[in-house]
Structures are given as structure tokens and as C-alpha cells.
Protein backbone atom coordinates (compact mmCIF):
# COMPACT_ATOMS: atom_id res chain seq x y z
CA MET A 1 101.08 189.11 241.04
CA ILE A 2 101.98 185.54 240.10
CA ILE A 3 105.47 186.62 239.03
CA GLU A 4 106.05 188.38 242.34
CA ILE A 5 104.97 185.33 244.34
CA GLY A 6 107.20 183.12 242.19
CA LEU A 7 110.17 185.39 242.80
CA LEU A 8 109.49 185.41 246.53
CA MET A 9 109.35 181.61 246.50
CA LEU A 10 112.84 181.60 244.98
CA ALA A 11 114.09 183.16 248.22
CA ILE A 12 113.85 179.79 249.99
CA PRO A 13 116.27 177.86 247.76
CA ILE A 14 118.56 180.89 247.59
CA GLY A 15 118.63 180.98 251.40
CA TYR A 16 119.57 177.29 251.46
CA LEU A 17 122.27 177.92 248.86
CA ILE A 18 123.78 180.77 250.85
CA ALA A 19 123.63 178.70 254.04
CA TRP A 20 125.36 175.81 252.30
CA MET A 21 128.06 177.99 250.75
CA ALA A 22 128.81 179.89 253.97
CA ARG A 23 128.43 177.10 256.53
CA ASP A 24 131.33 178.35 258.66
CA GLU A 25 129.88 181.88 258.92
CA LEU A 26 126.36 180.95 260.00
CA VAL A 27 126.86 180.69 263.75
CA SER A 28 128.91 183.86 264.05
CA GLY A 29 126.44 185.79 261.91
CA ARG A 30 123.24 184.97 263.79
CA LYS A 31 122.86 188.47 265.21
CA TRP A 32 123.21 189.91 261.70
CA PHE A 33 120.62 187.51 260.31
CA ARG A 34 118.19 188.63 263.02
CA ALA A 35 118.91 192.25 262.15
CA LEU A 36 118.35 191.58 258.44
CA ILE A 37 115.06 189.80 259.15
CA ILE A 38 113.74 192.67 261.24
CA LEU A 39 115.01 195.33 258.84
CA GLY A 40 113.57 193.53 255.82
CA VAL A 41 110.15 193.25 257.43
CA ILE A 42 110.19 196.93 258.41
CA ILE A 43 111.30 198.01 254.94
CA GLY A 44 108.77 195.72 253.29
CA GLY A 45 105.91 196.95 255.43
CA TRP A 46 106.80 200.61 255.12
CA PHE A 47 107.23 200.66 251.37
CA TYR A 48 104.09 198.56 250.88
CA LEU A 49 102.12 201.17 252.81
CA VAL A 50 103.76 203.99 250.83
CA GLY A 51 102.90 202.24 247.57
CA ASN A 52 106.34 201.27 246.27
CA ASN A 53 105.80 197.54 245.79
CA ALA A 54 109.17 196.81 244.18
CA ILE A 55 111.13 197.90 247.26
CA ALA A 56 108.57 196.22 249.53
CA LEU A 57 109.05 192.90 247.77
CA THR A 58 112.82 193.34 247.97
CA GLY A 59 112.57 193.78 251.73
CA VAL A 60 110.41 190.67 252.06
CA PHE A 61 112.84 188.72 249.85
CA ILE A 62 115.75 189.76 252.10
CA SER A 63 113.75 188.71 255.16
CA ILE A 64 113.00 185.26 253.74
CA VAL A 65 116.60 184.60 252.67
CA SER A 66 117.89 185.77 256.04
CA PHE A 67 115.34 183.67 257.92
CA VAL A 68 116.30 180.51 256.05
CA SER A 69 120.00 181.14 256.71
CA TYR A 70 119.26 181.93 260.37
CA TRP A 71 117.24 178.74 260.70
CA LYS A 72 120.03 176.67 259.11
CA SER A 73 122.56 178.15 261.56
CA PHE A 74 121.08 175.96 264.29
CA ASP A 75 121.77 172.70 262.37
CA ASP A 76 124.59 170.61 263.77
CA GLY A 77 126.40 170.39 260.43
CA LYS A 78 124.84 167.23 259.05
């Protein structure tokens, strides 16, 4: 379980990296980030209940990365 938590924690710096690399696409992609967040949570919850933890953790990872990028889309570019 420690490895899974460590991999999920890596989603935060990866989200910052994607937001930094695609600064010009953040504002126009807000609706897609929201969709990815919702879809990742649904996928994560569903597959956790079904018992497939690998896909559940993938969905949560996608949600975290998308949330960080969505959050950074509201920065004024500084």
C-alpha cells in the first residue's frame, strides 16, 4: 500500500509539470480538466468497488493530475 500512496503522491508534481509545459492551453482546456476530474473519480470509485485496484488507482491518479492542472489554470501567469 505504501508504493501505491507514493505513486499517487507523484501525481502532484506531474500535474505541475504538465501545467508548466502547457501554460497556453490551460485556460482553453478548463472544461476538459473538469471532465477528466469527474471521470477519474467515477472510474476510480467504480473499479475500487469491483475489486480492480490497479484501474481504480489509475483513475485517481488522472483525477489528481487534472485537478492540479485545473487549479493552475486560474493563475495569472506569474
